[in-house]
Amino acid sequence: MLDRVLFVDDEPNVLMGFRRELHGLFDVSVAAGGQAALDMIVDGAPFAVVVSDMNMPGIDGIHLLRQVKKIAPDTVRIMLTGQADIETAIEAVNEGSIFRFMTKPCPKDVLVKSLRAAVEQHRLITAEKELLEKTLSGSVKVLSDVLALTRTKSFGHAQRVRRVVQQLISFLGIKNAWEIDVAAMLSQIGCVTVPDEVLLKFYRNDEVTEGEKQMFEAHPAIGAELLQSIPRLEGVARIIAYQQKGYDGSGVPHDDVRGEAIPLGSRLLKLAIDFDNYTMSGASQLDALHKLRRKRAQYDPRALDALGKIVAEALVYEIKKLHVDEVTPGMVLGADVKTKNGVLLVPRGHELTATLLWRLRNFTTIGVIDGSVSVLVRAENPSVNQP
């Protein structure tokens, strides 16, 4: 398959010349002007290279390549122009981050050589990006799986916290929130070093000793340290490191960071973690919200206000008992799933996945559970008090 190259010029004869000379060497597309080029880039398949003339009516070459850099950053950009003054070259390089700057008329062999170099650059960029993304997603999955296997309750806690954080992200309109989402998913990874009995005390808001408190408070720093060596997770590590930091500067780490200086993701995590701890210790969502509001100095005011509105929306749900065959992935448990002997299998608040549903169906088949589970469904005639 030939690599896709887009030529942009306001002279039709020039564009036809590119098509004729490069036929069979590249998959050549042409655009008569900057706006036409942008429309093609936005609406069509990605181009490996964009080659633009400098002087065009409307959108000139410099402004076009600057826009290409924003909307298609992996596309390699080349300027081809008859205006070869040094100021133009400098502006093109600075504004459009171009790969090559060539002058008209450009001999075919020079143009082909430059295009092949640009295509190779594009391949390197996309290969590195793919490798990095696969490495990143693979690393996150492995860490999440380790947490699921070694600390089941911590994994469930992280799942519930992540769900609240995702709701906050959506409600607050936060863009490019992947770091916050990953931080929520891995927020409890440092808990692999904390004994189960100590974790349970904190999840239930029980009394703890000073030694147990220090042990638990160390887990965000341990989690951050585990992530710092993974490329592109440095921001995630910082969010996790500050997840127990109060908006008023209380909590760990014990430093002077407070308020807006705390990473936004950490502020959302702090709120979601405390909210989940209250609800899992027996409080209703409304009671948990009231408890948080009594300590409002510890929380980002906008996030706390958003959580109040999210809770109001959640109160229109009710618990309904369904057979496991009626349950679908994505539903949330409204009550613990226990064996007939009273052993906890899955705690309430857990989001059901396809794999977990298969497991519950298998348990039903062999008689370990009775086959019914309680899930949250939207109430048909909700009547609730606003928080």
Protein backbone atom coordinates (compact mmCIF):
# COMPACT_ATOMS: atom_id res chain seq x y z
CA MET A 1 0.00 0.00 0.00
CA LEU A 2 1.34 3.40 -1.01
CA ASP A 3 1.81 6.09 1.62
CA ARG A 4 -0.70 8.94 1.50
CA VAL A 5 0.70 12.37 0.64
CA LEU A 6 -1.36 15.57 0.36
CA PHE A 7 -0.18 18.48 -1.81
CA VAL A 8 -1.72 21.90 -1.21
CA ASP A 9 -1.47 24.74 -3.73
CA ASP A 10 -3.76 27.35 -5.25
CA GLU A 11 -2.53 26.61 -8.80
CA PRO A 12 -4.34 23.64 -10.44
CA ASN A 13 -1.54 23.07 -12.96
CA VAL A 14 1.02 22.65 -10.18
CA LEU A 15 -1.20 20.11 -8.43
CA MET A 16 -1.72 18.14 -11.64
CA GLY A 17 2.05 18.12 -12.13
CA PHE A 18 2.55 16.52 -8.71
CA ARG A 19 -0.01 13.84 -9.53
CA ARG A 20 1.68 13.08 -12.85
CA GLU A 21 5.28 13.02 -11.57
CA LEU A 22 4.62 10.98 -8.42
CA HIS A 23 2.13 8.48 -9.83
CA GLY A 24 2.98 4.98 -8.63
CA LEU A 25 5.42 6.23 -5.99
CA PHE A 26 2.93 7.65 -3.48
CA ASP A 27 -0.83 7.79 -2.99
CA VAL A 28 -1.14 11.45 -3.98
CA SER A 29 -4.10 13.65 -3.04
CA VAL A 30 -4.38 17.35 -3.87
CA ALA A 31 -6.20 20.30 -2.31
CA ALA A 32 -6.76 23.68 -3.97
CA GLY A 33 -6.09 25.88 -0.96
CA GLY A 34 -5.75 25.72 2.80
CA GLN A 35 -9.41 25.32 3.77
CA ALA A 36 -9.91 22.46 1.31
CA ALA A 37 -6.84 20.76 2.79
CA LEU A 38 -8.11 21.11 6.35
CA ASP A 39 -11.48 19.66 5.36
CA MET A 40 -9.75 16.64 3.81
CA ILE A 41 -7.54 16.11 6.87
CA VAL A 42 -10.43 16.34 9.32
CA ASP A 43 -12.90 14.21 7.35
CA GLY A 44 -10.69 11.61 5.68
CA ALA A 45 -8.08 8.98 6.42
CA PRO A 46 -4.80 10.29 7.88
CA PHE A 47 -1.98 11.49 5.63
CA ALA A 48 1.63 10.52 6.21
CA VAL A 49 2.85 13.83 4.72
CA VAL A 50 1.38 17.22 3.88
CA VAL A 51 3.27 19.42 1.41
CA SER A 52 2.03 23.00 1.26
CA ASP A 53 2.75 26.04 -0.87
CA MET A 54 3.49 29.23 1.07
CA ASN A 55 1.55 32.00 -0.67
CA MET A 56 -2.12 31.08 -1.02
CA PRO A 57 -5.27 33.21 -0.70
CA GLY A 58 -7.19 32.76 2.54
CA ILE A 59 -5.10 30.40 4.65
CA ASP A 60 -1.41 30.65 3.75
CA GLY A 61 1.07 27.78 4.12
CA ILE A 62 2.39 28.76 7.56
CA HIS A 63 -1.08 28.98 9.11
CA LEU A 64 -2.16 25.77 7.36
CA LEU A 65 0.77 23.75 8.68
CA ARG A 66 0.23 25.18 12.15
CA GLN A 67 -3.37 23.87 12.02
CA VAL A 68 -2.21 20.51 10.65
CA LYS A 69 0.15 20.21 13.61
CA LYS A 70 -2.81 20.65 15.99
CA ILE A 71 -5.34 18.34 14.35
CA ALA A 72 -2.98 15.69 12.95
CA PRO A 73 0.26 15.89 14.99
CA ASP A 74 1.63 12.62 13.57
CA THR A 75 1.50 13.95 9.99
CA VAL A 76 4.89 15.14 8.73
CA ARG A 77 4.82 18.68 7.31
CA ILE A 78 6.82 20.09 4.37
CA MET A 79 6.85 23.64 2.98
CA LEU A 80 7.40 24.04 -0.78
CA THR A 81 7.49 27.64 -1.99
CA GLY A 82 8.91 30.08 -4.46
CA GLN A 83 9.41 32.68 -1.72
CA ALA A 84 12.76 31.68 -0.25
CA ASP A 85 13.61 34.56 2.09
CA ILE A 86 15.07 33.73 5.50
CA GLU A 87 12.18 35.29 7.46
CA THR A 88 9.68 33.00 5.73
CA ALA A 89 11.82 29.95 6.48
CA ILE A 90 12.20 30.86 10.16
CA GLU A 91 8.48 31.53 10.60
CA ALA A 92 7.56 28.28 8.85
CA VAL A 93 9.86 26.24 11.08
CA ASN A 94 8.71 27.95 14.27
CA GLU A 95 4.98 28.02 13.54
CA GLY A 96 4.48 24.77 11.67
CA SER A 97 7.34 22.63 13.01
CA ILE A 98 8.09 21.59 9.45
CA PHE A 99 10.28 18.65 8.48
CA ARG A 100 11.66 20.19 5.27
CA PHE A 101 11.67 23.64 3.64
CA MET A 102 12.11 23.44 -0.16
CA THR A 103 11.99 26.00 -2.93
CA LYS A 104 10.29 25.98 -6.34
CA PRO A 105 11.07 24.70 -8.85
CA CYS A 106 12.04 21.49 -7.07
CA PRO A 107 13.69 18.74 -9.15
CA LYS A 108 11.77 15.45 -9.10
CA ASP A 109 14.64 13.46 -7.57
CA VAL A 110 15.02 15.96 -4.71
CA LEU A 111 11.25 15.98 -4.09
CA VAL A 112 11.03 12.16 -4.08
CA LYS A 113 14.01 11.87 -1.75
CA SER A 114 12.47 14.39 0.67
CA LEU A 115 9.08 12.68 0.54
CA ARG A 116 10.62 9.27 1.27
CA ALA A 117 12.49 10.74 4.23
CA ALA A 118 9.24 12.31 5.47
CA VAL A 119 7.36 9.01 5.09
CA GLU A 120 10.07 7.22 7.06
CA GLN A 121 9.81 9.89 9.76
CA HIS A 122 6.05 9.31 9.89
CA ARG A 123 6.59 5.56 10.27
CA LEU A 124 9.01 6.14 13.14
CA ILE A 125 6.56 8.50 14.87
CA THR A 126 3.60 6.13 14.56
CA ALA A 127 5.64 3.04 15.49
CA GLU A 128 7.01 4.73 18.61
CA LYS A 129 3.53 5.96 19.55
CA GLU A 130 2.01 2.51 19.09
CA LEU A 131 4.78 0.88 21.11
CA LEU A 132 4.43 3.43 23.89
CA GLU A 133 0.64 3.13 24.01
CA LYS A 134 0.76 -0.68 24.08
CA THR A 135 3.46 -0.62 26.75
CA LEU A 136 1.47 1.88 28.78
CA SER A 137 -1.87 0.07 28.53
CA GLY A 138 -0.16 -3.27 29.19
CA SER A 139 1.61 -1.94 32.28
CA VAL A 140 -1.61 -0.47 33.67
CA LYS A 141 -3.47 -3.74 33.07
CA VAL A 142 -0.75 -5.81 34.78
CA LEU A 143 -0.74 -3.53 37.82
CA SER A 144 -4.53 -3.60 38.01
CA ASP A 145 -4.53 -7.40 37.73
CA VAL A 146 -1.91 -7.65 40.50
CA LEU A 147 -4.17 -5.57 42.75
CA ALA A 148 -7.20 -7.70 41.85
CA LEU A 149 -5.34 -10.93 42.67
CA THR A 150 -3.54 -9.84 45.85
CA ARG A 151 -5.95 -7.33 47.41
CA THR A 152 -9.52 -8.11 46.31
CA LYS A 153 -11.12 -5.54 48.63
CA SER A 154 -8.66 -2.84 47.53
CA PHE A 155 -9.44 -3.65 43.90
CA GLY A 156 -13.18 -3.33 44.56
CA HIS A 157 -12.53 -0.07 46.43
CA ALA A 158 -10.54 1.26 43.45
CA GLN A 159 -13.32 0.25 41.04
CA ARG A 160 -15.96 2.11 43.02
CA VAL A 161 -13.71 5.15 43.46
CA ARG A 162 -12.98 5.19 39.74
CA ARG A 163 -16.69 5.17 38.95
CA VAL A 164 -17.29 8.22 41.18
CA VAL A 165 -14.24 9.98 39.70
CA GLN A 166 -15.51 9.33 36.16
CA GLN A 167 -18.85 10.89 37.11
CA LEU A 168 -17.06 13.93 38.53
CA ILE A 169 -14.93 14.25 35.38
CA SER A 170 -18.05 14.16 33.21
CA PHE A 171 -20.02 16.57 35.39
CA LEU A 172 -17.16 19.09 35.62
CA GLY A 173 -16.42 18.84 31.88
CA ILE A 174 -12.75 17.97 32.38
CA LYS A 175 -10.96 17.33 29.08
CA ASN A 176 -8.03 14.95 28.44
CA ALA A 177 -8.64 13.25 31.77
CA TRP A 178 -6.88 9.95 30.99
CA GLU A 179 -4.27 10.53 33.72
CA ILE A 180 -7.01 11.05 36.32
CA ASP A 181 -8.85 7.93 35.17
CA VAL A 182 -5.70 5.77 35.32
CA ALA A 183 -4.83 7.23 38.72
CA ALA A 184 -8.28 6.25 40.01
CA MET A 185 -7.86 2.74 38.61
CA LEU A 186 -4.46 2.34 40.30
CA SER A 187 -5.15 4.49 43.37
CA GLN A 188 -4.87 1.50 45.72
CA ILE A 189 -1.85 -0.21 44.12
CA GLY A 190 0.35 0.77 47.09
CA CYS A 191 -1.99 -1.25 49.33
CA VAL A 192 -0.21 -4.45 48.28
CA THR A 193 2.19 -3.67 51.14
CA VAL A 194 -0.56 -3.18 53.76
CA PRO A 195 -2.01 -6.19 55.65
CA ASP A 196 -5.68 -6.97 54.91
CA GLU A 197 -6.78 -6.47 58.50
CA VAL A 198 -5.32 -2.94 58.51
CA LEU A 199 -6.99 -2.08 55.20
CA LEU A 200 -10.36 -3.27 56.50
CA LYS A 201 -10.10 -0.96 59.49
CA PHE A 202 -9.58 2.05 57.25
CA TYR A 203 -12.29 1.04 54.77
CA ARG A 204 -14.74 0.75 57.70
CA ASN A 205 -13.48 3.91 59.43
CA ASP A 206 -12.61 1.85 62.53
CA GLU A 207 -10.21 2.93 65.27
CA VAL A 208 -6.56 2.28 64.36
CA THR A 209 -3.25 2.39 66.18
CA GLU A 210 -0.60 4.98 65.36
CA GLY A 211 1.51 2.28 63.71
CA GLU A 212 -1.40 1.15 61.55
CA LYS A 213 -2.10 4.76 60.60
CA GLN A 214 1.49 5.30 59.48
CA MET A 215 1.42 2.02 57.55
CA PHE A 216 -1.73 3.00 55.65
CA GLU A 217 -0.69 6.61 55.04
CA ALA A 218 2.45 5.34 53.30
CA HIS A 219 0.54 3.55 50.55
CA PRO A 220 0.08 6.57 48.21
CA ALA A 221 3.84 7.25 48.25
CA ILE A 222 4.55 3.56 47.61
CA GLY A 223 2.05 3.49 44.75
CA ALA A 224 3.58 6.62 43.24
CA GLU A 225 7.05 5.13 43.45
CA LEU A 226 5.88 1.99 41.63
CA LEU A 227 4.57 4.10 38.75
CA GLN A 228 7.31 6.70 38.35
CA SER A 229 9.53 4.44 36.28
CA ILE A 230 6.80 3.76 33.68
CA PRO A 231 6.96 6.18 30.70
CA ARG A 232 4.11 8.74 30.60
CA LEU A 233 2.82 7.80 34.05
CA GLU A 234 4.75 10.50 35.90
CA GLY A 235 1.59 12.64 36.14
CA VAL A 236 -0.42 9.65 37.32
CA ALA A 237 2.18 8.98 40.00
CA ARG A 238 1.90 12.55 41.31
CA ILE A 239 -1.90 12.31 41.44
CA ILE A 240 -1.67 9.10 43.46
CA ALA A 241 0.98 10.56 45.77
CA TYR A 242 -1.44 13.39 46.76
CA GLN A 243 -4.70 11.41 46.89
CA GLN A 244 -4.94 11.72 50.71
CA LYS A 245 -4.07 15.43 50.74
CA GLY A 246 -6.85 17.71 51.98
CA TYR A 247 -7.71 20.90 50.11
CA ASP A 248 -6.82 22.74 53.33
CA GLY A 249 -3.32 21.22 53.34
CA SER A 250 -4.10 18.49 55.87
CA GLY A 251 -3.15 14.86 55.30
CA VAL A 252 -0.20 13.32 53.49
CA PRO A 253 2.29 14.17 52.13
CA HIS A 254 3.16 16.50 55.00
CA ASP A 255 4.19 19.53 52.94
CA ASP A 256 2.95 23.04 52.17
CA VAL A 257 0.94 22.10 49.07
CA ARG A 258 -2.74 23.03 49.38
CA GLY A 259 -5.77 24.23 47.44
CA GLU A 260 -5.41 24.55 43.67
CA ALA A 261 -1.73 23.57 43.91
CA ILE A 262 -2.83 20.00 44.64
CA PRO A 263 -3.27 18.10 41.33
CA LEU A 264 -6.90 18.17 40.22
CA GLY A 265 -6.96 14.38 39.98
CA SER A 266 -5.80 14.11 43.59
CA ARG A 267 -8.60 16.43 44.73
CA LEU A 268 -11.18 14.25 42.95
CA LEU A 269 -9.63 11.08 44.37
CA LYS A 270 -9.66 12.43 47.94
CA LEU A 271 -13.37 13.18 47.66
CA ALA A 272 -14.27 9.89 45.96
CA ILE A 273 -12.21 7.76 48.36
CA ASP A 274 -13.72 9.32 51.50
CA PHE A 275 -17.22 9.09 50.00
CA ASP A 276 -16.74 5.39 49.26
CA ASN A 277 -15.33 4.72 52.74
CA TYR A 278 -18.45 6.22 54.33
CA THR A 279 -20.90 4.33 52.10
CA MET A 280 -19.08 1.02 52.51
CA SER A 281 -19.13 1.45 56.30
CA GLY A 282 -22.94 1.51 56.20
CA ALA A 283 -23.89 5.13 55.51
CA SER A 284 -26.34 5.97 52.76
CA GLN A 285 -25.06 8.12 49.93
CA LEU A 286 -26.97 11.07 51.34
CA ASP A 287 -25.55 10.54 54.85
CA ALA A 288 -22.05 10.14 53.38
CA LEU A 289 -22.47 13.44 51.55
CA HIS A 290 -23.53 15.18 54.78
CA LYS A 291 -20.44 13.78 56.54
CA LEU A 292 -18.20 15.15 53.77
CA ARG A 293 -19.87 18.56 53.96
CA ARG A 294 -19.12 18.73 57.68
CA LYS A 295 -15.43 18.52 56.69
CA ARG A 296 -15.78 20.70 53.59
CA ALA A 297 -12.44 22.44 54.17
CA GLN A 298 -10.72 19.20 53.12
CA TYR A 299 -12.35 19.08 49.68
CA ASP A 300 -12.28 21.04 46.46
CA PRO A 301 -15.49 23.15 46.66
CA ARG A 302 -16.44 22.64 42.99
CA ALA A 303 -15.92 18.89 43.25
CA LEU A 304 -17.97 18.66 46.46
CA ASP A 305 -20.79 20.64 44.85
CA ALA A 306 -20.66 18.34 41.81
CA LEU A 307 -20.83 15.26 44.02
CA GLY A 308 -23.97 16.66 45.65
CA LYS A 309 -25.68 16.86 42.27
CA ILE A 310 -24.42 13.37 41.32
CA VAL A 311 -25.85 11.95 44.56
CA ALA A 312 -29.18 13.64 43.84
CA GLU A 313 -29.25 11.89 40.48
CA ALA A 314 -28.23 8.56 42.03
CA LEU A 315 -31.09 8.73 44.54
CA VAL A 316 -33.57 8.04 41.75
CA TYR A 317 -32.21 4.47 41.62
CA GLU A 318 -33.59 1.58 43.61
CA ILE A 319 -32.39 -1.92 44.45
CA LYS A 320 -33.97 -4.70 42.42
CA LYS A 321 -33.39 -8.43 42.73
CA LEU A 322 -32.67 -10.21 39.44
CA HIS A 323 -31.59 -13.68 38.45
CA VAL A 324 -27.97 -13.72 37.24
CA ASP A 325 -29.21 -14.59 33.73
CA GLU A 326 -31.07 -11.26 33.64
CA VAL A 327 -28.08 -9.20 34.76
CA THR A 328 -25.96 -7.46 32.12
CA PRO A 329 -22.34 -6.18 32.26
CA GLY A 330 -22.10 -2.67 33.65
CA MET A 331 -24.83 -3.09 36.27
CA VAL A 332 -23.83 -2.20 39.82
CA LEU A 333 -24.51 -4.45 42.81
CA GLY A 334 -26.88 -2.98 45.37
CA ALA A 335 -26.08 -5.64 48.00
CA ASP A 336 -23.27 -8.06 48.84
CA VAL A 337 -23.22 -11.38 47.00
CA LYS A 338 -22.60 -14.15 49.52
CA THR A 339 -22.49 -17.92 49.38
CA LYS A 340 -25.19 -19.96 51.09
CA ASN A 341 -22.69 -20.35 53.94
CA GLY A 342 -22.34 -16.57 54.32
CA VAL A 343 -18.94 -16.15 52.62
CA LEU A 344 -18.62 -12.81 50.81
CA LEU A 345 -18.00 -13.25 47.08
CA VAL A 346 -18.55 -9.73 45.71
CA PRO A 347 -19.23 -6.58 47.79
CA ARG A 348 -22.05 -4.15 47.05
CA GLY A 349 -21.12 -1.25 44.82
CA HIS A 350 -19.08 -3.53 42.55
CA GLU A 351 -19.60 -3.04 38.82
CA LEU A 352 -20.38 -6.38 37.19
CA THR A 353 -18.19 -7.43 34.28
CA ALA A 354 -18.84 -10.20 31.74
CA THR A 355 -16.18 -12.37 33.41
CA LEU A 356 -17.67 -11.88 36.86
CA LEU A 357 -21.15 -12.70 35.59
CA TRP A 358 -19.86 -15.98 34.14
CA ARG A 359 -18.38 -16.75 37.54
CA LEU A 360 -21.67 -16.03 39.33
CA ARG A 361 -23.58 -18.18 36.83
CA ASN A 362 -21.15 -21.03 37.45
CA PHE A 363 -21.61 -20.64 41.22
CA THR A 364 -25.37 -20.78 40.66
CA THR A 365 -25.05 -23.98 38.62
CA ILE A 366 -23.13 -25.79 41.35
CA GLY A 367 -25.40 -24.46 44.09
CA VAL A 368 -22.95 -22.14 45.86
CA ILE A 369 -25.38 -19.19 45.53
CA ASP A 370 -29.12 -19.14 44.96
CA GLY A 371 -28.83 -17.38 41.59
CA SER A 372 -30.35 -14.02 42.57
CA VAL A 373 -28.42 -10.77 42.90
CA SER A 374 -29.48 -7.26 43.88
CA VAL A 375 -28.61 -4.49 41.41
CA LEU A 376 -29.27 -0.78 41.10
CA VAL A 377 -31.96 0.18 38.58
CA ARG A 378 -33.63 3.49 37.88
CA ALA A 379 -36.80 3.91 39.93
CA GLU A 380 -40.02 4.19 37.90
CA ASN A 381 -41.61 6.75 40.26
CA PRO A 382 -38.72 8.38 42.15
CA SER A 383 -39.56 10.50 45.15
CA VAL A 384 -36.45 11.77 46.82
CA ASN A 385 -35.22 14.72 48.85
CA GLN A 386 -32.51 16.78 47.23
CA PRO A 387 -29.20 16.66 49.16
